[in-house]
């Protein structure tokens, strides 16, 4: 058998984001399932190995702060947004958390960072 079942806990907002990113025209649209998309992301990380300081930094944060970031990222994905221009490079977990809080506290809709190609039609 070439595959094995393995159980992972994935925060619901991240599953929502994967679903949004699998829609037609989105970055993960070519994958037939959530599983295929996750396996594809793992393959990409293996094919092009590098340190993932942003996501590793998020993993070291308390769960409540990870939740804040996950909610923000899910909102970005479901609204066609991205982080470009929101946080300076190299992006850090702390900077992303501050941006998530800034948007939450301001009651802002997460549409900043939309590119022309991803912007919703008016």
PDB file of N, CA and C in Angstrom:
ATOM      1  N   UNK A   1       0.855  -1.184   0.000  1.00  0.00           N
ATOM      2  CA  UNK A   1       0.000   0.000   0.000  1.00  0.00           C
ATOM      3  C   UNK A   1       0.892   1.235   0.000  1.00  0.00           C
ATOM      4  N   UNK A   2       0.627   2.165  -0.895  1.00  0.00           N
ATOM      5  CA  UNK A   2       1.442   3.366  -1.039  1.00  0.00           C
ATOM      6  C   UNK A   2       1.007   4.506  -0.132  1.00  0.00           C
ATOM      7  N   UNK A   3      -0.141   4.386   0.477  1.00  0.00           N
ATOM      8  CA  UNK A   3      -0.642   5.438   1.366  1.00  0.00           C
ATOM      9  C   UNK A   3      -1.011   4.837   2.711  1.00  0.00           C
ATOM     10  N   UNK A   4      -0.941   5.666   3.715  1.00  0.00           N
ATOM     11  CA  UNK A   4      -1.359   5.253   5.045  1.00  0.00           C
ATOM     12  C   UNK A   4      -2.305   6.315   5.588  1.00  0.00           C
ATOM     13  N   UNK A   5      -3.276   5.879   6.345  1.00  0.00           N
ATOM     14  CA  UNK A   5      -4.177   6.828   6.999  1.00  0.00           C
ATOM     15  C   UNK A   5      -3.461   7.416   8.198  1.00  0.00           C
ATOM     16  N   UNK A   6      -3.569   8.703   8.330  1.00  0.00           N
ATOM     17  CA  UNK A   6      -2.968   9.419   9.454  1.00  0.00           C
ATOM     18  C   UNK A   6      -3.967  10.490   9.852  1.00  0.00           C
ATOM     19  N   UNK A   7      -4.181  10.640  11.116  1.00  0.00           N
ATOM     20  CA  UNK A   7      -5.142  11.619  11.600  1.00  0.00           C
ATOM     21  C   UNK A   7      -4.430  12.906  11.977  1.00  0.00           C
ATOM     22  N   UNK A   8      -4.947  14.032  11.487  1.00  0.00           N
ATOM     23  CA  UNK A   8      -4.426  15.348  11.831  1.00  0.00           C
ATOM     24  C   UNK A   8      -5.587  16.209  12.300  1.00  0.00           C
ATOM     25  N   UNK A   9      -5.285  17.102  13.211  1.00  0.00           N
ATOM     26  CA  UNK A   9      -6.279  18.098  13.603  1.00  0.00           C
ATOM     27  C   UNK A   9      -5.942  19.365  12.837  1.00  0.00           C
ATOM     28  N   UNK A  10      -6.879  19.815  12.040  1.00  0.00           N
ATOM     29  CA  UNK A  10      -6.699  21.033  11.249  1.00  0.00           C
ATOM     30  C   UNK A  10      -7.749  22.027  11.715  1.00  0.00           C
ATOM     31  N   UNK A  11      -7.323  23.220  12.119  1.00  0.00           N
ATOM     32  CA  UNK A  11      -8.300  24.218  12.562  1.00  0.00           C
ATOM     33  C   UNK A  11      -9.363  24.470  11.483  1.00  0.00           C
ATOM     34  N   UNK A  12     -10.613  24.548  11.907  1.00  0.00           N
ATOM     35  CA  UNK A  12     -11.719  24.743  10.965  1.00  0.00           C
ATOM     36  C   UNK A  12     -11.529  25.958  10.054  1.00  0.00           C
ATOM     37  N   UNK A  13     -11.028  27.089  10.546  1.00  0.00           N
ATOM     38  CA  UNK A  13     -10.820  28.218   9.630  1.00  0.00           C
ATOM     39  C   UNK A  13      -9.838  27.894   8.502  1.00  0.00           C
ATOM     40  N   UNK A  14      -8.839  27.049   8.788  1.00  0.00           N
ATOM     41  CA  UNK A  14      -7.895  26.682   7.734  1.00  0.00           C
ATOM     42  C   UNK A  14      -8.554  25.754   6.712  1.00  0.00           C
ATOM     43  N   UNK A  15      -9.445  24.885   7.171  1.00  0.00           N
ATOM     44  CA  UNK A  15     -10.193  24.052   6.222  1.00  0.00           C
ATOM     45  C   UNK A  15     -11.090  24.923   5.337  1.00  0.00           C
ATOM     46  N   UNK A  16     -11.700  25.952   5.938  1.00  0.00           N
ATOM     47  CA  UNK A  16     -12.504  26.893   5.156  1.00  0.00           C
ATOM     48  C   UNK A  16     -11.641  27.579   4.105  1.00  0.00           C
ATOM     49  N   UNK A  17     -10.422  27.941   4.488  1.00  0.00           N
ATOM     50  CA  UNK A  17      -9.508  28.602   3.554  1.00  0.00           C
ATOM     51  C   UNK A  17      -9.121  27.670   2.422  1.00  0.00           C
ATOM     52  N   UNK A  18      -8.834  26.401   2.739  1.00  0.00           N
ATOM     53  CA  UNK A  18      -8.506  25.430   1.692  1.00  0.00           C
ATOM     54  C   UNK A  18      -9.682  25.306   0.731  1.00  0.00           C
ATOM     55  N   UNK A  19     -10.889  25.231   1.270  1.00  0.00           N
ATOM     56  CA  UNK A  19     -12.079  25.135   0.424  1.00  0.00           C
ATOM     57  C   UNK A  19     -12.186  26.354  -0.495  1.00  0.00           C
ATOM     58  N   UNK A  20     -11.959  27.530   0.058  1.00  0.00           N
ATOM     59  CA  UNK A  20     -12.024  28.753  -0.757  1.00  0.00           C
ATOM     60  C   UNK A  20     -10.943  28.748  -1.833  1.00  0.00           C
ATOM     61  N   UNK A  21      -9.767  28.278  -1.485  1.00  0.00           N
ATOM     62  CA  UNK A  21      -8.652  28.276  -2.439  1.00  0.00           C
ATOM     63  C   UNK A  21      -8.760  27.162  -3.482  1.00  0.00           C
ATOM     64  N   UNK A  22      -9.705  26.238  -3.298  1.00  0.00           N
ATOM     65  CA  UNK A  22      -9.941  25.180  -4.284  1.00  0.00           C
ATOM     66  C   UNK A  22     -11.028  25.552  -5.289  1.00  0.00           C
ATOM     67  N   UNK A  23     -11.616  26.707  -5.154  1.00  0.00           N
ATOM     68  CA  UNK A  23     -12.659  27.144  -6.073  1.00  0.00           C
ATOM     69  C   UNK A  23     -12.054  27.516  -7.431  1.00  0.00           C
ATOM     70  N   UNK A  24     -12.841  27.465  -8.505  1.00  0.00           N
ATOM     71  CA  UNK A  24     -12.328  27.794  -9.840  1.00  0.00           C
ATOM     72  C   UNK A  24     -11.608  29.140  -9.852  1.00  0.00           C
ATOM     73  N   UNK A  25     -10.445  29.140 -10.487  1.00  0.00           N
ATOM     74  CA  UNK A  25      -9.659  30.354 -10.605  1.00  0.00           C
ATOM     75  C   UNK A  25      -8.745  30.630  -9.424  1.00  0.00           C
ATOM     76  N   UNK A  26      -8.833  29.816  -8.376  1.00  0.00           N
ATOM     77  CA  UNK A  26      -8.016  30.012  -7.185  1.00  0.00           C
ATOM     78  C   UNK A  26      -6.783  29.098  -7.221  1.00  0.00           C
ATOM     79  N   UNK A  27      -5.785  29.380  -6.378  1.00  0.00           N
ATOM     80  CA  UNK A  27      -4.510  28.660  -6.444  1.00  0.00           C
ATOM     81  C   UNK A  27      -4.576  27.140  -6.294  1.00  0.00           C
ATOM     82  N   UNK A  28      -5.549  26.627  -5.558  1.00  0.00           N
ATOM     83  CA  UNK A  28      -5.634  25.176  -5.355  1.00  0.00           C
ATOM     84  C   UNK A  28      -6.751  24.532  -6.176  1.00  0.00           C
ATOM     85  N   UNK A  29      -7.238  25.226  -7.183  1.00  0.00           N
ATOM     86  CA  UNK A  29      -8.378  24.741  -7.973  1.00  0.00           C
ATOM     87  C   UNK A  29      -8.082  23.455  -8.741  1.00  0.00           C
ATOM     88  N   UNK A  30      -6.840  23.190  -9.047  1.00  0.00           N
ATOM     89  CA  UNK A  30      -6.509  22.006  -9.848  1.00  0.00           C
ATOM     90  C   UNK A  30      -6.532  20.704  -9.054  1.00  0.00           C
ATOM     91  N   UNK A  31      -6.688  20.789  -7.740  1.00  0.00           N
ATOM     92  CA  UNK A  31      -6.718  19.583  -6.917  1.00  0.00           C
ATOM     93  C   UNK A  31      -8.136  19.045  -6.825  1.00  0.00           C
ATOM     94  N   UNK A  32      -8.264  17.718  -6.901  1.00  0.00           N
ATOM     95  CA  UNK A  32      -9.580  17.082  -6.906  1.00  0.00           C
ATOM     96  C   UNK A  32     -10.226  17.010  -5.525  1.00  0.00           C
ATOM     97  N   UNK A  33      -9.427  17.165  -4.466  1.00  0.00           N
ATOM     98  CA  UNK A  33      -9.974  17.045  -3.112  1.00  0.00           C
ATOM     99  C   UNK A  33      -9.105  17.837  -2.138  1.00  0.00           C
ATOM    100  N   UNK A  34      -9.636  18.021  -0.934  1.00  0.00           N
ATOM    101  CA  UNK A  34      -8.840  18.664   0.123  1.00  0.00           C
ATOM    102  C   UNK A  34      -7.587  17.844   0.391  1.00  0.00           C
ATOM    103  N   UNK A  35      -7.745  16.514   0.438  1.00  0.00           N
ATOM    104  CA  UNK A  35      -6.602  15.642   0.683  1.00  0.00           C
ATOM    105  C   UNK A  35      -5.532  15.833  -0.389  1.00  0.00           C
ATOM    106  N   UNK A  36      -5.936  15.865  -1.642  1.00  0.00           N
ATOM    107  CA  UNK A  36      -4.970  16.056  -2.731  1.00  0.00           C
ATOM    108  C   UNK A  36      -4.270  17.409  -2.607  1.00  0.00           C
ATOM    109  N   UNK A  37      -4.992  18.441  -2.175  1.00  0.00           N
ATOM    110  CA  UNK A  37      -4.394  19.768  -2.002  1.00  0.00           C
ATOM    111  C   UNK A  37      -3.362  19.755  -0.880  1.00  0.00           C
ATOM    112  N   UNK A  38      -3.690  19.123   0.241  1.00  0.00           N
ATOM    113  CA  UNK A  38      -2.762  19.064   1.373  1.00  0.00           C
ATOM    114  C   UNK A  38      -1.525  18.242   0.990  1.00  0.00           C
ATOM    115  N   UNK A  39      -1.729  17.121   0.325  1.00  0.00           N
ATOM    116  CA  UNK A  39      -0.595  16.309  -0.131  1.00  0.00           C
ATOM    117  C   UNK A  39       0.253  17.115  -1.114  1.00  0.00           C
ATOM    118  N   UNK A  40      -0.385  17.878  -1.979  1.00  0.00           N
ATOM    119  CA  UNK A  40       0.345  18.729  -2.917  1.00  0.00           C
ATOM    120  C   UNK A  40       1.198  19.766  -2.212  1.00  0.00           C
ATOM    121  N   UNK A  41       0.666  20.373  -1.159  1.00  0.00           N
ATOM    122  CA  UNK A  41       1.440  21.352  -0.393  1.00  0.00           C
ATOM    123  C   UNK A  41       2.632  20.698   0.300  1.00  0.00           C
ATOM    124  N   UNK A  42       2.444  19.488   0.793  1.00  0.00           N
ATOM    125  CA  UNK A  42       3.560  18.753   1.409  1.00  0.00           C
ATOM    126  C   UNK A  42       4.607  18.434   0.343  1.00  0.00           C
ATOM    127  N   UNK A  43       4.164  17.980  -0.827  1.00  0.00           N
ATOM    128  CA  UNK A  43       5.120  17.696  -1.909  1.00  0.00           C
ATOM    129  C   UNK A  43       5.903  18.939  -2.295  1.00  0.00           C
ATOM    130  N   UNK A  44       5.239  20.065  -2.361  1.00  0.00           N
ATOM    131  CA  UNK A  44       5.912  21.314  -2.706  1.00  0.00           C
ATOM    132  C   UNK A  44       6.981  21.646  -1.669  1.00  0.00           C
ATOM    133  N   UNK A  45       6.646  21.485  -0.396  1.00  0.00           N
ATOM    134  CA  UNK A  45       7.603  21.776   0.673  1.00  0.00           C
ATOM    135  C   UNK A  45       8.812  20.841   0.600  1.00  0.00           C
ATOM    136  N   UNK A  46       8.598  19.613   0.172  1.00  0.00           N
ATOM    137  CA  UNK A  46       9.693  18.655   0.028  1.00  0.00           C
ATOM    138  C   UNK A  46      10.519  18.965  -1.218  1.00  0.00           C
ATOM    139  N   UNK A  47       9.852  19.300  -2.315  1.00  0.00           N
ATOM    140  CA  UNK A  47      10.547  19.573  -3.578  1.00  0.00           C
ATOM    141  C   UNK A  47      11.393  20.843  -3.500  1.00  0.00           C
ATOM    142  N   UNK A  48      10.917  21.818  -2.758  1.00  0.00           N
ATOM    143  CA  UNK A  48      11.613  23.097  -2.619  1.00  0.00           C
ATOM    144  C   UNK A  48      11.835  23.385  -1.136  1.00  0.00           C
ATOM    145  N   UNK A  49      12.715  22.605  -0.505  1.00  0.00           N
ATOM    146  CA  UNK A  49      12.879  22.736   0.946  1.00  0.00           C
ATOM    147  C   UNK A  49      13.487  24.070   1.348  1.00  0.00           C
ATOM    148  N   UNK A  50      12.886  24.649   2.343  1.00  0.00           N
ATOM    149  CA  UNK A  50      13.399  25.870   2.954  1.00  0.00           C
ATOM    150  C   UNK A  50      12.767  25.991   4.330  1.00  0.00           C
ATOM    151  N   UNK A  51      13.361  26.800   5.152  1.00  0.00           N
ATOM    152  CA  UNK A  51      12.801  27.016   6.484  1.00  0.00           C
ATOM    153  C   UNK A  51      11.507  27.805   6.345  1.00  0.00           C
ATOM    154  N   UNK A  52      10.536  27.419   7.106  1.00  0.00           N
ATOM    155  CA  UNK A  52       9.234  28.098   7.104  1.00  0.00           C
ATOM    156  C   UNK A  52       9.106  28.861   8.414  1.00  0.00           C
ATOM    157  N   UNK A  53       9.858  29.946   8.509  1.00  0.00           N
ATOM    158  CA  UNK A  53       9.926  30.678   9.772  1.00  0.00           C
ATOM    159  C   UNK A  53       8.592  31.301  10.161  1.00  0.00           C
ATOM    160  N   UNK A  54       7.795  31.742   9.190  1.00  0.00           N
ATOM    161  CA  UNK A  54       6.493  32.329   9.516  1.00  0.00           C
ATOM    162  C   UNK A  54       5.578  31.288  10.153  1.00  0.00           C
ATOM    163  N   UNK A  55       5.382  30.167   9.474  1.00  0.00           N
ATOM    164  CA  UNK A  55       4.443  29.170   9.992  1.00  0.00           C
ATOM    165  C   UNK A  55       4.983  28.465  11.230  1.00  0.00           C
ATOM    166  N   UNK A  56       6.307  28.286  11.311  1.00  0.00           N
ATOM    167  CA  UNK A  56       6.891  27.707  12.527  1.00  0.00           C
ATOM    168  C   UNK A  56       6.690  28.667  13.699  1.00  0.00           C
ATOM    169  N   UNK A  57       6.821  29.958  13.429  1.00  0.00           N
ATOM    170  CA  UNK A  57       6.579  30.959  14.466  1.00  0.00           C
ATOM    171  C   UNK A  57       5.141  30.941  14.940  1.00  0.00           C
ATOM    172  N   UNK A  58       4.218  30.784  14.006  1.00  0.00           N
ATOM    173  CA  UNK A  58       2.799  30.692  14.382  1.00  0.00           C
ATOM    174  C   UNK A  58       2.580  29.462  15.257  1.00  0.00           C
ATOM    175  N   UNK A  59       3.204  28.346  14.911  1.00  0.00           N
ATOM    176  CA  UNK A  59       3.042  27.099  15.680  1.00  0.00           C
ATOM    177  C   UNK A  59       3.542  27.234  17.113  1.00  0.00           C
ATOM    178  N   UNK A  60       4.477  28.144  17.352  1.00  0.00           N
ATOM    179  CA  UNK A  60       5.007  28.345  18.714  1.00  0.00           C
ATOM    180  C   UNK A  60       4.148  29.292  19.549  1.00  0.00           C
ATOM    181  N   UNK A  61       3.205  29.985  18.933  1.00  0.00           N
ATOM    182  CA  UNK A  61       2.343  30.907  19.671  1.00  0.00           C
ATOM    183  C   UNK A  61       1.325  30.139  20.502  1.00  0.00           C
ATOM    184  N   UNK A  62       0.789  30.764  21.540  1.00  0.00           N
ATOM    185  CA  UNK A  62      -0.313  30.131  22.277  1.00  0.00           C
ATOM    186  C   UNK A  62      -1.485  29.847  21.327  1.00  0.00           C
ATOM    187  N   UNK A  63      -2.240  28.821  21.637  1.00  0.00           N
ATOM    188  CA  UNK A  63      -3.356  28.407  20.784  1.00  0.00           C
ATOM    189  C   UNK A  63      -4.323  29.554  20.503  1.00  0.00           C
ATOM    190  N   UNK A  64      -4.603  30.384  21.488  1.00  0.00           N
ATOM    191  CA  UNK A  64      -5.551  31.483  21.291  1.00  0.00           C
ATOM    192  C   UNK A  64      -5.041  32.466  20.229  1.00  0.00           C
ATOM    193  N   UNK A  65      -3.724  32.689  20.204  1.00  0.00           N
ATOM    194  CA  UNK A  65      -3.157  33.596  19.203  1.00  0.00           C
ATOM    195  C   UNK A  65      -3.111  32.927  17.832  1.00  0.00           C
ATOM    196  N   UNK A  66      -2.867  31.622  17.800  1.00  0.00           N
ATOM    197  CA  UNK A  66      -2.946  30.889  16.535  1.00  0.00           C
ATOM    198  C   UNK A  66      -4.360  30.997  15.972  1.00  0.00           C
ATOM    199  N   UNK A  67      -5.350  30.898  16.851  1.00  0.00           N
ATOM    200  CA  UNK A  67      -6.751  31.009  16.419  1.00  0.00           C
ATOM    201  C   UNK A  67      -7.024  32.368  15.778  1.00  0.00           C
ATOM    202  N   UNK A  68      -6.495  33.426  16.366  1.00  0.00           N
ATOM    203  CA  UNK A  68      -6.679  34.768  15.804  1.00  0.00           C
ATOM    204  C   UNK A  68      -6.094  34.841  14.399  1.00  0.00           C
ATOM    205  N   UNK A  69      -4.908  34.292  14.238  1.00  0.00           N
ATOM    206  CA  UNK A  69      -4.254  34.303  12.921  1.00  0.00           C
ATOM    207  C   UNK A  69      -5.030  33.440  11.935  1.00  0.00           C
ATOM    208  N   UNK A  70      -5.461  32.258  12.366  1.00  0.00           N
ATOM    209  CA  UNK A  70      -6.211  31.367  11.475  1.00  0.00           C
ATOM    210  C   UNK A  70      -7.506  32.011  11.006  1.00  0.00           C
ATOM    211  N   UNK A  71      -8.204  32.694  11.914  1.00  0.00           N
ATOM    212  CA  UNK A  71      -9.438  33.384  11.527  1.00  0.00           C
ATOM    213  C   UNK A  71      -9.143  34.458  10.475  1.00  0.00           C
ATOM    214  N   UNK A  72      -8.072  35.198  10.675  1.00  0.00           N
ATOM    215  CA  UNK A  72      -7.668  36.252   9.746  1.00  0.00           C
ATOM    216  C   UNK A  72      -7.297  35.661   8.384  1.00  0.00           C
ATOM    217  N   UNK A  73      -6.494  34.585   8.390  1.00  0.00           N
ATOM    218  CA  UNK A  73      -6.096  33.961   7.124  1.00  0.00           C
ATOM    219  C   UNK A  73      -7.300  33.388   6.383  1.00  0.00           C
ATOM    220  N   UNK A  74      -8.238  32.805   7.120  1.00  0.00           N
ATOM    221  CA  UNK A  74      -9.444  32.271   6.481  1.00  0.00           C
ATOM    222  C   UNK A  74     -10.252  33.398   5.846  1.00  0.00           C
ATOM    223  N   UNK A  75     -10.343  34.524   6.548  1.00  0.00           N
ATOM    224  CA  UNK A  75     -11.065  35.672   5.992  1.00  0.00           C
ATOM    225  C   UNK A  75     -10.363  36.180   4.734  1.00  0.00           C
ATOM    226  N   UNK A  76      -9.039  36.213   4.754  1.00  0.00           N
ATOM    227  CA  UNK A  76      -8.302  36.612   3.550  1.00  0.00           C
ATOM    228  C   UNK A  76      -8.634  35.685   2.391  1.00  0.00           C
ATOM    229  N   UNK A  77      -8.548  34.381   2.638  1.00  0.00           N
ATOM    230  CA  UNK A  77      -8.771  33.403   1.571  1.00  0.00           C
ATOM    231  C   UNK A  77     -10.188  33.475   1.024  1.00  0.00           C
ATOM    232  N   UNK A  78     -11.176  33.596   1.903  1.00  0.00           N
ATOM    233  CA  UNK A  78     -12.561  33.601   1.440  1.00  0.00           C
ATOM    234  C   UNK A  78     -12.936  34.909   0.747  1.00  0.00           C
ATOM    235  N   UNK A  79     -12.140  35.961   0.972  1.00  0.00           N
ATOM    236  CA  UNK A  79     -12.394  37.244   0.309  1.00  0.00           C
ATOM    237  C   UNK A  79     -11.422  37.511  -0.835  1.00  0.00           C
ATOM    238  N   UNK A  80     -10.627  36.506  -1.210  1.00  0.00           N
ATOM    239  CA  UNK A  80      -9.702  36.661  -2.321  1.00  0.00           C
ATOM    240  C   UNK A  80      -8.508  37.541  -2.013  1.00  0.00           C
ATOM    241  N   UNK A  81      -8.189  37.730  -0.741  1.00  0.00           N
ATOM    242  CA  UNK A  81      -7.075  38.591  -0.360  1.00  0.00           C
ATOM    243  C   UNK A  81      -5.788  37.827  -0.167  1.00  0.00           C
ATOM    244  N   UNK A  82      -4.745  38.559   0.133  1.00  0.00           N
ATOM    245  CA  UNK A  82      -3.445  37.979   0.437  1.00  0.00           C
ATOM    246  C   UNK A  82      -2.674  38.968   1.301  1.00  0.00           C
ATOM    247  N   UNK A  83      -1.553  38.542   1.808  1.00  0.00           N
ATOM    248  CA  UNK A  83      -0.791  39.359   2.753  1.00  0.00           C
ATOM    249  C   UNK A  83       0.102  40.410   2.100  1.00  0.00           C
ATOM    250  N   UNK A  84       0.298  40.341   0.808  1.00  0.00           N
ATOM    251  CA  UNK A  84       1.204  41.287   0.142  1.00  0.00           C
ATOM    252  C   UNK A  84       0.836  42.717   0.524  1.00  0.00           C
ATOM    253  N   UNK A  85       1.800  43.449   1.004  1.00  0.00           N
ATOM    254  CA  UNK A  85       1.592  44.827   1.390  1.00  0.00           C
ATOM    255  C   UNK A  85       1.031  45.026   2.787  1.00  0.00           C
ATOM    256  N   UNK A  86       0.613  43.962   3.445  1.00  0.00           N
ATOM    257  CA  UNK A  86       0.073  44.081   4.797  1.00  0.00           C
ATOM    258  C   UNK A  86       1.159  43.987   5.849  1.00  0.00           C
ATOM    259  N   UNK A  87       2.082  43.070   5.650  1.00  0.00           N
ATOM    260  CA  UNK A  87       3.185  42.895   6.594  1.00  0.00           C
ATOM    261  C   UNK A  87       4.486  42.961   5.814  1.00  0.00           C
ATOM    262  N   UNK A  88       5.500  43.524   6.454  1.00  0.00           N
ATOM    263  CA  UNK A  88       6.777  43.644   5.757  1.00  0.00           C
ATOM    264  C   UNK A  88       7.475  42.290   5.731  1.00  0.00           C
ATOM    265  N   UNK A  89       8.363  42.134   4.751  1.00  0.00           N
ATOM    266  CA  UNK A  89       9.129  40.901   4.620  1.00  0.00           C
ATOM    267  C   UNK A  89      10.437  41.036   5.358  1.00  0.00           C
ATOM    268  N   UNK A  90      10.929  39.984   5.943  1.00  0.00           N
ATOM    269  CA  UNK A  90      10.257  38.689   6.049  1.00  0.00           C
ATOM    270  C   UNK A  90       9.131  38.765   7.075  1.00  0.00           C
ATOM    271  N   UNK A  91       8.008  38.209   6.719  1.00  0.00           N
ATOM    272  CA  UNK A  91       6.839  38.236   7.599  1.00  0.00           C
ATOM    273  C   UNK A  91       7.120  37.403   8.850  1.00  0.00           C
ATOM    274  N   UNK A  92       6.643  37.873   9.972  1.00  0.00           N
ATOM    275  CA  UNK A  92       6.795  37.144  11.235  1.00  0.00           C
ATOM    276  C   UNK A  92       5.420  36.831  11.815  1.00  0.00           C
ATOM    277  N   UNK A  93       5.398  35.846  12.680  1.00  0.00           N
ATOM    278  CA  UNK A  93       4.149  35.486  13.345  1.00  0.00           C
ATOM    279  C   UNK A  93       3.611  36.666  14.145  1.00  0.00           C
ATOM    280  N   UNK A  94       4.512  37.381  14.799  1.00  0.00           N
ATOM    281  CA  UNK A  94       4.090  38.516  15.627  1.00  0.00           C
ATOM    282  C   UNK A  94       3.478  39.623  14.764  1.00  0.00           C
ATOM    283  N   UNK A  95       4.085  39.907  13.618  1.00  0.00           N
ATOM    284  CA  UNK A  95       3.547  40.941  12.725  1.00  0.00           C
ATOM    285  C   UNK A  95       2.192  40.519  12.163  1.00  0.00           C
ATOM    286  N   UNK A  96       2.052  39.246  11.834  1.00  0.00           N
ATOM    287  CA  UNK A  96       0.780  38.748  11.314  1.00  0.00           C
ATOM    288  C   UNK A  96      -0.299  38.816  12.387  1.00  0.00           C
ATOM    289  N   UNK A  97       0.055  38.472  13.623  1.00  0.00           N
ATOM    290  CA  UNK A  97      -0.900  38.565  14.726  1.00  0.00           C
ATOM    291  C   UNK A  97      -1.344  40.013  14.915  1.00  0.00           C
ATOM    292  N   UNK A  98      -0.415  40.947  14.856  1.00  0.00           N
ATOM    293  CA  UNK A  98      -0.766  42.365  15.006  1.00  0.00           C
ATOM    294  C   UNK A  98      -1.701  42.816  13.879  1.00  0.00           C
ATOM    295  N   UNK A  99      -1.447  42.359  12.657  1.00  0.00           N
ATOM    296  CA  UNK A  99      -2.319  42.714  11.532  1.00  0.00           C
ATOM    297  C   UNK A  99      -3.705  42.115  11.715  1.00  0.00           C
ATOM    298  N   UNK A 100      -3.765  40.875  12.176  1.00  0.00           N
ATOM    299  CA  UNK A 100      -5.054  40.227  12.439  1.00  0.00           C
ATOM    300  C   UNK A 100      -5.831  41.018  13.487  1.00  0.00           C
ATOM    301  N   UNK A 101      -5.143  41.433  14.532  1.00  0.00           N
ATOM    302  CA  UNK A 101      -5.805  42.194  15.595  1.00  0.00           C
ATOM    303  C   UNK A 101      -6.220  43.575  15.112  1.00  0.00           C
ATOM    304  N   UNK A 102      -5.382  44.188  14.308  1.00  0.00           N
ATOM    305  CA  UNK A 102      -5.706  45.516  13.776  1.00  0.00           C
ATOM    306  C   UNK A 102      -6.997  45.458  12.961  1.00  0.00           C
ATOM    307  N   UNK A 103      -7.122  44.458  12.119  1.00  0.00           N
ATOM    308  CA  UNK A 103      -8.339  44.321  11.303  1.00  0.00           C
ATOM    309  C   UNK A 103      -9.549  43.978  12.163  1.00  0.00           C
ATOM    310  N   UNK A 104      -9.356  43.095  13.138  1.00  0.00           N
ATOM    311  CA  UNK A 104     -10.471  42.723  14.017  1.00  0.00           C
ATOM    312  C   UNK A 104     -10.933  43.926  14.829  1.00  0.00           C
ATOM    313  N   UNK A 105      -9.994  44.651  15.424  1.00  0.00           N
ATOM    314  CA  UNK A 105     -10.338  45.782  16.284  1.00  0.00           C
ATOM    315  C   UNK A 105     -10.934  46.944  15.508  1.00  0.00           C
ATOM    316  N   UNK A 106     -10.537  47.090  14.261  1.00  0.00           N
ATOM    317  CA  UNK A 106     -11.068  48.167  13.433  1.00  0.00           C
ATOM    318  C   UNK A 106     -12.393  47.757  12.793  1.00  0.00           C
ATOM    319  N   UNK A 107     -12.754  46.481  12.953  1.00  0.00           N
ATOM    320  CA  UNK A 107     -13.982  45.987  12.332  1.00  0.00           C
ATOM    321  C   UNK A 107     -13.899  46.004  10.821  1.00  0.00           C
ATOM    322  N   UNK A 108     -12.661  45.888  10.303  1.00  0.00           N
ATOM    323  CA  UNK A 108     -12.464  45.968   8.861  1.00  0.00           C
ATOM    324  C   UNK A 108     -12.791  44.653   8.187  1.00  0.00           C
ATOM    325  N   UNK A 109     -13.356  44.773   7.021  1.00  0.00           N
ATOM    326  CA  UNK A 109     -13.508  43.630   6.145  1.00  0.00           C
ATOM    327  C   UNK A 109     -12.127  43.331   5.588  1.00  0.00           C
ATOM    328  N   UNK A 110     -11.804  42.083   5.450  1.00  0.00           N
ATOM    329  CA  UNK A 110     -10.470  41.710   4.998  1.00  0.00           C
ATOM    330  C   UNK A 110     -10.439  41.635   3.480  1.00  0.00           C
ATOM    331  N   UNK A 111     -10.402  42.790   2.838  1.00  0.00           N
ATOM    332  CA  UNK A 111     -10.275  42.820   1.386  1.00  0.00           C
ATOM    333  C   UNK A 111      -9.027  43.567   0.963  1.00  0.00           C
ATOM    334  N   UNK A 112      -8.308  44.155   1.914  1.00  0.00           N
ATOM    335  CA  UNK A 112      -7.057  44.815   1.590  1.00  0.00           C
ATOM    336  C   UNK A 112      -6.094  43.740   1.105  1.00  0.00           C
ATOM    337  N   UNK A 113      -5.302  44.053   0.121  1.00  0.00           N
ATOM    338  CA  UNK A 113      -4.354  43.092  -0.401  1.00  0.00           C
ATOM    339  C   UNK A 113      -4.891  42.369  -1.625  1.00  0.00           C
ATOM    340  N   UNK A 114      -6.080  42.741  -2.081  1.00  0.00           N
ATOM    341  CA  UNK A 114      -6.608  42.130  -3.285  1.00  0.00           C
ATOM    342  C   UNK A 114      -5.794  42.590  -4.486  1.00  0.00           C
ATOM    343  N   UNK A 115      -5.456  41.646  -5.322  1.00  0.00           N
ATOM    344  CA  UNK A 115      -4.804  42.022  -6.572  1.00  0.00           C
ATOM    345  C   UNK A 115      -5.897  42.296  -7.606  1.00  0.00           C
ATOM    346  N   UNK A 116      -5.554  42.931  -8.682  1.00  0.00           N
ATOM    347  CA  UNK A 116      -6.542  43.226  -9.720  1.00  0.00           C
ATOM    348  C   UNK A 116      -7.192  41.945 -10.216  1.00  0.00           C
ATOM    349  N   UNK A 117      -6.402  40.869 -10.395  1.00  0.00           N
ATOM    350  CA  UNK A 117      -6.949  39.637 -10.929  1.00  0.00           C
ATOM    351  C   UNK A 117      -7.874  38.912  -9.950  1.00  0.00           C
ATOM    352  N   UNK A 118      -7.715  39.172  -8.646  1.00  0.00           N
ATOM    353  CA  UNK A 118      -8.548  38.498  -7.648  1.00  0.00           C
ATOM    354  C   UNK A 118      -9.654  39.381  -7.093  1.00  0.00           C
ATOM    355  N   UNK A 119      -9.674  40.636  -7.493  1.00  0.00           N
ATOM    356  CA  UNK A 119     -10.661  41.544  -6.943  1.00  0.00           C
ATOM    357  C   UNK A 119     -12.061  41.138  -7.403  1.00  0.00           C
ATOM    358  N   UNK A 120     -13.030  41.160  -6.449  1.00  0.00           N
ATOM    359  CA  UNK A 120     -14.388  40.809  -6.838  1.00  0.00           C
ATOM    360  C   UNK A 120     -14.975  41.869  -7.769  1.00  0.00           C
ATOM    361  N   UNK A 121     -15.832  41.404  -8.645  1.00  0.00           N
ATOM    362  CA  UNK A 121     -16.494  42.339  -9.563  1.00  0.00           C
ATOM    363  C   UNK A 121     -17.432  43.239  -8.793  1.00  0.00           C
ATOM    364  N   UNK A 122     -17.521  44.492  -9.199  1.00  0.00           N
ATOM    365  CA  UNK A 122     -18.419  45.406  -8.498  1.00  0.00           C
ATOM    366  C   UNK A 122     -19.793  45.380  -9.089  1.00  0.00           C
TER     367      UNK A 122
END
